[in-house]
Protein backbone atom coordinates (compact mmCIF):
# COMPACT_ATOMS: atom_id res chain seq x y z
CA MET A 1 47.83 -37.39 -20.26
CA SER A 2 48.76 -33.96 -21.23
CA LEU A 3 45.42 -32.96 -22.56
CA THR A 4 43.37 -34.53 -19.95
CA ARG A 5 45.87 -32.11 -17.45
CA ARG A 6 44.98 -29.24 -18.95
CA HIS A 7 40.95 -30.30 -19.25
CA LEU A 8 41.01 -30.93 -15.48
CA LEU A 9 42.60 -27.21 -14.86
CA GLN A 10 40.08 -25.47 -17.31
CA GLY A 11 37.62 -27.31 -15.12
CA VAL A 12 38.29 -25.95 -11.84
CA ALA A 13 39.03 -22.34 -13.37
CA ALA A 14 35.41 -22.58 -14.82
CA SER A 15 34.12 -23.97 -11.62
CA ALA A 16 35.92 -21.10 -9.93
CA ALA A 17 34.61 -18.33 -11.75
CA LEU A 18 30.84 -20.05 -12.11
CA GLY A 19 31.43 -19.94 -8.01
CA ILE A 20 32.24 -16.32 -8.45
CA ASN A 21 29.55 -15.55 -10.77
CA ARG A 22 27.01 -17.07 -7.97
CA ALA A 23 28.33 -15.50 -5.45
CA ALA A 24 27.93 -11.81 -7.13
CA ALA A 25 24.70 -12.94 -8.14
CA ARG A 26 23.20 -12.67 -4.32
CA PRO A 27 24.07 -9.59 -2.20
CA ALA A 28 24.81 -10.06 1.10
CA LEU A 29 22.62 -7.27 2.10
CA ALA A 30 19.34 -5.87 0.75
CA ARG A 31 17.07 -3.62 2.40
CA ILE A 32 13.54 -2.36 2.11
CA VAL A 33 12.76 1.48 2.97
CA VAL A 34 9.49 2.09 4.35
CA GLY A 35 8.47 5.55 4.98
CA PHE A 36 6.33 5.34 8.24
CA ALA A 37 6.33 4.11 11.71
CA ALA A 38 8.08 1.52 12.31
CA GLY A 39 5.26 -0.98 14.04
CA GLY A 40 2.64 0.37 12.01
CA THR A 41 1.16 -2.25 8.81
CA LEU A 42 3.58 -0.93 6.29
CA ASP A 43 6.25 -1.53 8.32
CA VAL A 44 5.32 -5.15 9.99
CA ILE A 45 4.39 -6.27 6.32
CA ALA A 46 7.90 -5.10 4.91
CA ARG A 47 9.57 -7.39 7.98
CA ARG A 48 7.50 -10.12 6.96
CA ILE A 49 8.84 -10.27 3.17
CA ALA A 50 12.09 -9.41 4.03
CA ASP A 51 12.16 -12.56 6.57
CA GLN A 52 11.48 -14.54 3.39
CA LEU A 53 13.76 -12.89 1.40
CA GLY A 54 16.32 -13.15 3.31
CA GLY A 55 18.38 -15.90 2.42
CA ASN A 56 17.16 -15.77 -1.16
CA PHE A 57 17.86 -13.04 -3.47
CA ALA A 58 20.23 -11.44 -0.64
CA ASP A 59 21.84 -13.19 2.55
CA SER A 60 20.30 -10.90 4.33
CA VAL A 61 17.09 -8.60 4.00
CA ILE A 62 16.50 -5.57 6.18
CA VAL A 63 13.90 -2.75 6.56
CA GLU A 64 14.94 0.25 7.05
CA GLY A 65 12.83 3.72 8.32
CA ARG A 66 12.51 7.01 6.55
CA THR A 67 9.48 8.64 8.06
CA GLY A 68 7.97 11.35 7.33
CA ALA A 69 6.06 13.81 4.70
CA GLY A 70 3.50 10.66 3.58
CA GLY A 71 6.16 8.09 2.45
CA ARG A 72 7.88 10.51 0.10
CA ILE A 73 10.97 10.62 1.79
CA ALA A 74 11.41 7.04 1.84
CA ILE A 75 10.97 7.24 -1.82
CA ASP A 76 12.92 9.94 -2.53
CA ALA A 77 16.06 7.93 -0.79
CA THR A 78 15.42 4.92 -3.21
CA LYS A 79 15.56 6.52 -6.40
CA ILE A 80 19.04 8.21 -5.80
CA ALA A 81 20.22 4.22 -4.67
CA ASN A 82 22.31 2.53 -6.83
CA PRO A 83 20.15 0.72 -9.09
CA ASP A 84 21.40 -2.85 -8.12
CA GLY A 85 18.53 -4.32 -6.93
CA THR A 86 19.76 -4.05 -3.21
CA THR A 87 17.45 -0.74 -2.09
CA LEU A 88 14.01 -1.36 -2.63
CA VAL A 89 10.83 0.94 -1.37
CA LEU A 90 7.31 -0.48 -0.25
CA SER A 91 5.03 2.32 -0.80
CA PRO A 92 0.94 2.71 -0.50
CA SER A 93 -0.70 3.31 -3.91
CA SER A 94 -1.15 6.76 -2.83
CA PRO A 95 2.15 8.29 -2.94
CA ILE A 96 2.50 6.41 -6.51
CA VAL A 97 -0.70 7.53 -8.25
CA ILE A 98 -2.40 10.25 -6.13
CA PHE A 99 0.48 12.56 -5.10
CA PRO A 100 1.38 13.46 -8.90
CA HIS A 101 -1.76 15.69 -8.34
CA VAL A 102 -1.53 16.38 -5.29
CA TYR A 103 1.47 18.30 -5.14
CA LYS A 104 2.68 20.92 -6.64
CA LYS A 105 6.07 20.38 -6.52
CA LEU A 106 6.43 16.18 -5.79
CA SER A 107 10.28 15.60 -5.44
CA TYR A 108 9.91 12.27 -7.34
CA ASP A 109 8.45 11.18 -10.86
CA PRO A 110 6.61 7.39 -10.00
CA VAL A 111 7.34 6.38 -13.70
CA ALA A 112 10.74 8.09 -14.84
CA ASP A 113 12.35 7.03 -11.22
CA LEU A 114 11.15 3.78 -10.20
CA ILE A 115 10.75 0.85 -11.55
CA PRO A 116 7.79 -1.27 -10.33
CA ILE A 117 8.14 -5.11 -9.10
CA THR A 118 4.87 -6.52 -7.73
CA PRO A 119 2.31 -5.37 -5.00
CA VAL A 120 2.50 -7.37 -2.06
CA CYS A 121 -1.05 -7.20 -0.65
CA SER A 122 -4.19 -5.11 -0.75
CA ASN A 123 -6.99 -3.92 1.39
CA ALA A 124 -10.45 -2.12 0.87
CA GLN A 125 -11.34 0.78 3.20
CA THR A 126 -14.25 0.71 5.26
CA PHE A 127 -16.59 3.31 5.90
CA VAL A 128 -17.11 3.41 9.60
CA VAL A 129 -19.30 5.36 12.16
CA GLY A 130 -18.41 5.67 16.24
CA PRO A 131 -20.64 6.38 18.98
CA ALA A 132 -20.83 10.08 18.00
CA VAL A 133 -23.32 9.18 15.41
CA PRO A 134 -26.29 8.26 16.92
CA GLU A 135 -27.72 4.59 17.55
CA LEU A 136 -30.83 5.19 14.98
CA VAL A 137 -28.05 5.58 12.02
CA LYS A 138 -27.64 1.59 11.10
CA ASN A 139 -26.54 1.85 7.18
CA LEU A 140 -25.61 3.81 4.55
CA GLN A 141 -28.73 5.56 3.44
CA ASP A 142 -29.67 6.76 7.53
CA PHE A 143 -25.90 8.17 7.20
CA VAL A 144 -27.04 10.22 4.34
CA GLY A 145 -30.06 11.56 5.81
CA TRP A 146 -28.58 12.36 9.20
CA ALA A 147 -25.63 14.05 7.71
CA LYS A 148 -27.90 16.40 5.57
CA ALA A 149 -29.12 17.69 8.69
CA ASN A 150 -25.92 17.52 10.41
CA LYS A 151 -22.52 18.88 9.62
CA THR A 152 -19.81 15.88 10.44
CA PHE A 153 -16.53 15.21 9.25
CA TYR A 154 -13.95 12.09 8.57
CA ALA A 155 -11.18 10.67 9.36
CA THR A 156 -8.47 9.16 7.13
CA PRO A 157 -4.48 8.10 8.03
CA ALA A 158 -3.31 10.99 5.68
CA ALA A 159 -4.19 13.97 3.53
CA GLY A 160 -4.08 13.37 0.18
CA SER A 161 -4.82 9.33 0.56
CA ILE A 162 -7.01 7.28 -1.86
CA MET A 163 -9.20 7.25 1.85
CA HIS A 164 -9.21 11.22 1.53
CA PHE A 165 -10.97 11.25 -2.07
CA GLN A 166 -12.92 8.31 -1.46
CA GLY A 167 -14.69 9.69 1.08
CA TRP A 168 -15.03 13.23 -0.74
CA VAL A 169 -16.12 11.23 -3.89
CA PHE A 170 -18.50 10.31 -1.66
CA GLY A 171 -19.87 13.37 0.27
CA GLN A 172 -20.25 14.57 -4.09
CA GLN A 173 -22.37 11.82 -4.73
CA ALA A 174 -24.58 11.70 -1.70
CA GLY A 175 -25.06 15.64 -1.98
CA ILE A 176 -23.78 15.57 2.18
CA GLU A 177 -20.68 17.32 3.63
CA MET A 178 -18.19 16.09 4.79
CA THR A 179 -14.91 17.75 6.35
CA HIS A 180 -11.69 15.63 5.67
CA VAL A 181 -10.21 15.78 8.93
CA PRO A 182 -5.99 14.07 8.44
CA TYR A 183 -4.23 12.21 11.36
CA ARG A 184 -0.83 10.62 11.63
CA GLY A 185 -2.22 6.99 10.80
CA MET A 186 -4.78 5.07 11.76
CA ALA A 187 -3.40 3.80 15.73
CA ALA A 188 -3.98 7.53 15.91
CA ILE A 189 -7.78 7.53 14.71
CA VAL A 190 -8.83 4.54 16.69
CA PRO A 191 -8.97 5.45 19.84
CA ASP A 192 -10.86 8.61 18.56
CA LEU A 193 -13.24 6.78 16.75
CA LEU A 194 -14.34 4.76 20.04
CA SER A 195 -14.03 7.96 22.30
CA GLY A 196 -16.65 9.48 20.04
CA THR A 197 -14.48 12.69 18.99
CA VAL A 198 -14.15 11.33 15.71
CA PRO A 199 -17.30 10.47 14.49
CA THR A 200 -16.75 8.76 11.14
CA SER A 201 -13.70 7.53 9.36
CA MET A 202 -12.74 6.11 6.10
CA ALA A 203 -10.92 3.62 7.52
CA VAL A 204 -8.14 1.01 6.95
CA THR A 205 -10.38 -2.35 7.21
CA GLY A 206 -7.49 -4.69 9.38
CA ASP A 207 -7.38 -1.71 11.55
CA ILE A 208 -10.98 -1.33 12.34
CA ARG A 209 -12.47 -5.05 12.01
CA GLN A 210 -12.09 -6.02 15.52
CA TYR A 211 -14.06 -3.37 16.69
CA VAL A 212 -16.92 -3.73 14.10
CA GLU A 213 -17.14 -7.34 15.23
CA SER A 214 -17.15 -6.30 18.77
CA GLY A 215 -20.48 -3.80 18.37
CA LYS A 216 -17.68 -1.11 18.98
CA LEU A 217 -18.35 0.32 15.37
CA ARG A 218 -20.82 -0.04 12.68
CA ALA A 219 -19.19 -0.03 9.24
CA LEU A 220 -21.93 0.74 6.76
CA ALA A 221 -19.76 0.52 3.18
CA VAL A 222 -16.61 -1.16 1.88
CA THR A 223 -14.75 0.11 -0.92
CA SER A 224 -13.88 -2.75 -3.15
CA ALA A 225 -16.23 -3.93 -5.97
CA GLN A 226 -17.31 -7.00 -4.42
CA ARG A 227 -17.58 -7.63 -0.65
CA SER A 228 -14.84 -7.70 1.77
CA ARG A 229 -14.61 -11.61 2.29
CA PHE A 230 -13.77 -9.87 6.15
CA MET A 231 -16.95 -8.81 6.69
CA PRO A 232 -19.06 -10.24 4.47
CA GLY A 233 -22.28 -9.19 6.25
CA VAL A 234 -21.46 -5.02 5.33
CA PRO A 235 -22.08 -4.04 1.42
CA THR A 236 -20.40 -2.79 -1.11
CA PHE A 237 -20.55 1.24 -1.57
CA ALA A 238 -21.97 0.15 -5.61
CA GLU A 239 -24.30 -2.19 -4.01
CA LEU A 240 -25.58 1.27 -2.50
CA GLY A 241 -25.95 3.40 -5.55
CA PHE A 242 -22.29 4.76 -4.93
CA ASP A 243 -20.53 3.10 -7.43
CA LYS A 244 -18.01 6.35 -7.92
CA VAL A 245 -16.60 4.99 -4.39
CA THR A 246 -14.76 2.25 -5.29
CA GLY A 247 -11.22 1.09 -5.42
CA VAL A 248 -8.68 -0.43 -2.92
CA ASP A 249 -5.07 0.53 -1.50
CA TRP A 250 -2.70 -1.75 -2.72
CA TYR A 251 1.31 -2.00 -1.18
CA GLY A 252 3.74 -2.45 -3.59
CA LEU A 253 7.52 -3.10 -3.93
CA PHE A 254 9.40 -0.38 -6.26
CA ALA A 255 13.53 -0.31 -7.36
CA PRO A 256 15.79 2.64 -8.72
CA ALA A 257 15.17 3.78 -12.48
CA LYS A 258 17.78 1.95 -14.27
CA THR A 259 17.99 -1.14 -12.55
CA PRO A 260 18.98 -3.74 -14.98
CA GLN A 261 15.70 -5.86 -16.63
CA PRO A 262 17.22 -9.71 -15.26
CA ILE A 263 17.35 -7.65 -12.00
CA ILE A 264 14.03 -7.18 -12.11
CA ASP A 265 12.92 -10.30 -13.60
CA GLN A 266 14.85 -11.77 -10.10
CA LEU A 267 13.18 -9.25 -7.66
CA GLN A 268 9.48 -9.96 -9.29
CA GLN A 269 10.06 -14.19 -9.29
CA SER A 270 11.66 -13.93 -5.29
CA ILE A 271 9.19 -11.45 -4.16
CA THR A 272 5.81 -13.15 -5.56
CA ALA A 273 7.27 -16.14 -3.93
CA ALA A 274 7.52 -15.07 -0.68
CA ALA A 275 4.34 -12.64 -0.57
CA LYS A 276 2.75 -16.00 -1.16
CA SER A 277 4.25 -18.19 0.99
CA LYS A 278 2.29 -19.54 3.74
CA PRO A 279 4.10 -17.54 6.92
CA VAL A 280 3.30 -13.98 4.90
CA THR A 281 -0.35 -14.82 3.74
CA GLU A 282 -1.24 -16.26 7.18
CA PHE A 283 -0.01 -12.73 8.57
CA LEU A 284 -1.68 -10.28 5.79
CA GLU A 285 -5.01 -12.63 6.70
CA GLN A 286 -4.68 -11.97 10.55
CA MET A 287 -4.19 -8.07 9.65
CA GLY A 288 -6.92 -8.23 7.16
CA PHE A 289 -4.99 -7.60 4.29
CA ASP A 290 -5.32 -10.06 1.07
CA SER A 291 -2.04 -11.10 -0.66
CA TYR A 292 -1.82 -9.77 -3.89
CA THR A 293 0.77 -9.79 -6.65
CA LEU A 294 1.54 -9.04 -10.55
CA SER A 295 4.15 -9.03 -13.08
CA SER A 296 6.28 -5.19 -13.65
CA ALA A 297 4.54 -4.69 -16.65
CA GLN A 298 0.73 -5.45 -15.07
CA LEU A 299 1.83 -3.43 -11.94
CA ALA A 300 2.87 -0.63 -14.44
CA ALA A 301 -0.52 -0.47 -16.50
CA ARG A 302 -2.47 -0.33 -13.04
CA ILE A 303 -0.64 2.79 -11.88
CA GLY A 304 -1.04 4.12 -15.09
CA GLU A 305 -4.61 3.55 -14.72
CA GLU A 306 -5.15 4.74 -11.39
CA THR A 307 -3.20 8.03 -12.16
CA ALA A 308 -5.61 8.95 -14.73
CA ARG A 309 -8.34 7.79 -12.45
CA TRP A 310 -7.77 10.44 -10.02
CA ALA A 311 -6.54 12.99 -12.08
CA PRO A 312 -9.80 14.88 -12.40
CA VAL A 313 -11.25 14.00 -8.85
CA VAL A 314 -8.49 15.60 -7.39
CA LYS A 315 -8.47 18.84 -9.41
CA GLN A 316 -12.45 18.88 -8.83
CA SER A 317 -11.94 19.06 -4.97
CA GLY A 318 -9.52 21.85 -5.03
CA PHE A 319 -6.96 19.90 -2.91
CA GLU A 320 -3.78 20.87 -3.52
CA LEU A 321 -0.34 20.84 -1.24
CA ASP A 322 2.58 22.56 -1.79
CA ASN A 323 5.05 20.07 -0.51
C-alpha cells in the first residue's frame, strides 16, 4: 500500500512539473517588430501572422512599430532583444541582402546578428507608367524608344531597395538614362503616378494592380521569372530581352542571434502553419502577394545567394549612403 501511495505521489509531482514545463514553453507575450508605418503593407501582413500565432507559440502576439531608417531601427531593436523567441522582426529582403552593400556603416550584420526563421510571402515588382508618359507608349519597347528621346525618372518606395536597383539595371540594359527618385512607401507614389507628377515606377504589384486593371496605369513588365498570376497579360522583363531585371521581394521573420535551435524550430513550424492558414493566404491573395515559406537553412542559403548577387550591381551603380 505504501508503495502504491509513493508511486501516486511521484505521479502527481511529475504531472505538476510537466505542467510547469508546458507553461514555460509557451510565453505569455511575444512581439513582431515592424520597421514601417502602421497600416502599411508590412504592418498589416505582420498583424495577420500575429493573429494566427496568438494562442499557439505564445498566449498573445502583438505587432510593435519601430519605424524609420528603411527598417534598420526595427532590426537594431531585435538584435539586442532577449534571444528567447519572444521578439522577432518582419523585414523585406532589401535590409537583409542589399543594405550591407549600400551603407558605409551598417549598425547590424544580417548574418551575425539575426537567425532566419522563414519568409511568409513574396511579390514581384511591376514597371508601370502613368499619364505623364504618352499614350502611344503601350509596351516596354515603346518606352525604351521614348526614354531615349526624353529624360525621365522612376520612383520607388525607398532608396537602396530592390526596386531601386532593378530600375537601375533596366536602364543599363536598355541603354537609357532614368533618374531614381525615392519616396517613403508606395502609398505616396501612387497618387503622384495617377496625377502625372511621376512618369514611371518600379512598383509593388499589389499596390498598383487595381489601377492597371482600370486602365489608369499601364503595366509594361514584371520582374518575376514567370508571369505574375495577378497580371498574367503582362510579360516578364526576361521575355522582352532584359534577363538581368529579375527577382522578387520577400518578407521574412528573423530572431536575435543565439536564440536556441529548438526555439527556432518551433517558431519555424508555427509561423509556417500561420502563413499557410486560410485567413492569411486569402488576405495575401487580396494584397497581390504569394504565400511563401522556407526552412531556416533554406532562407539562409537564399540570403547568401542574393547578397552575392546584388554586391556588384550596387558597386557598379556607385550608390552609397553614410547612415
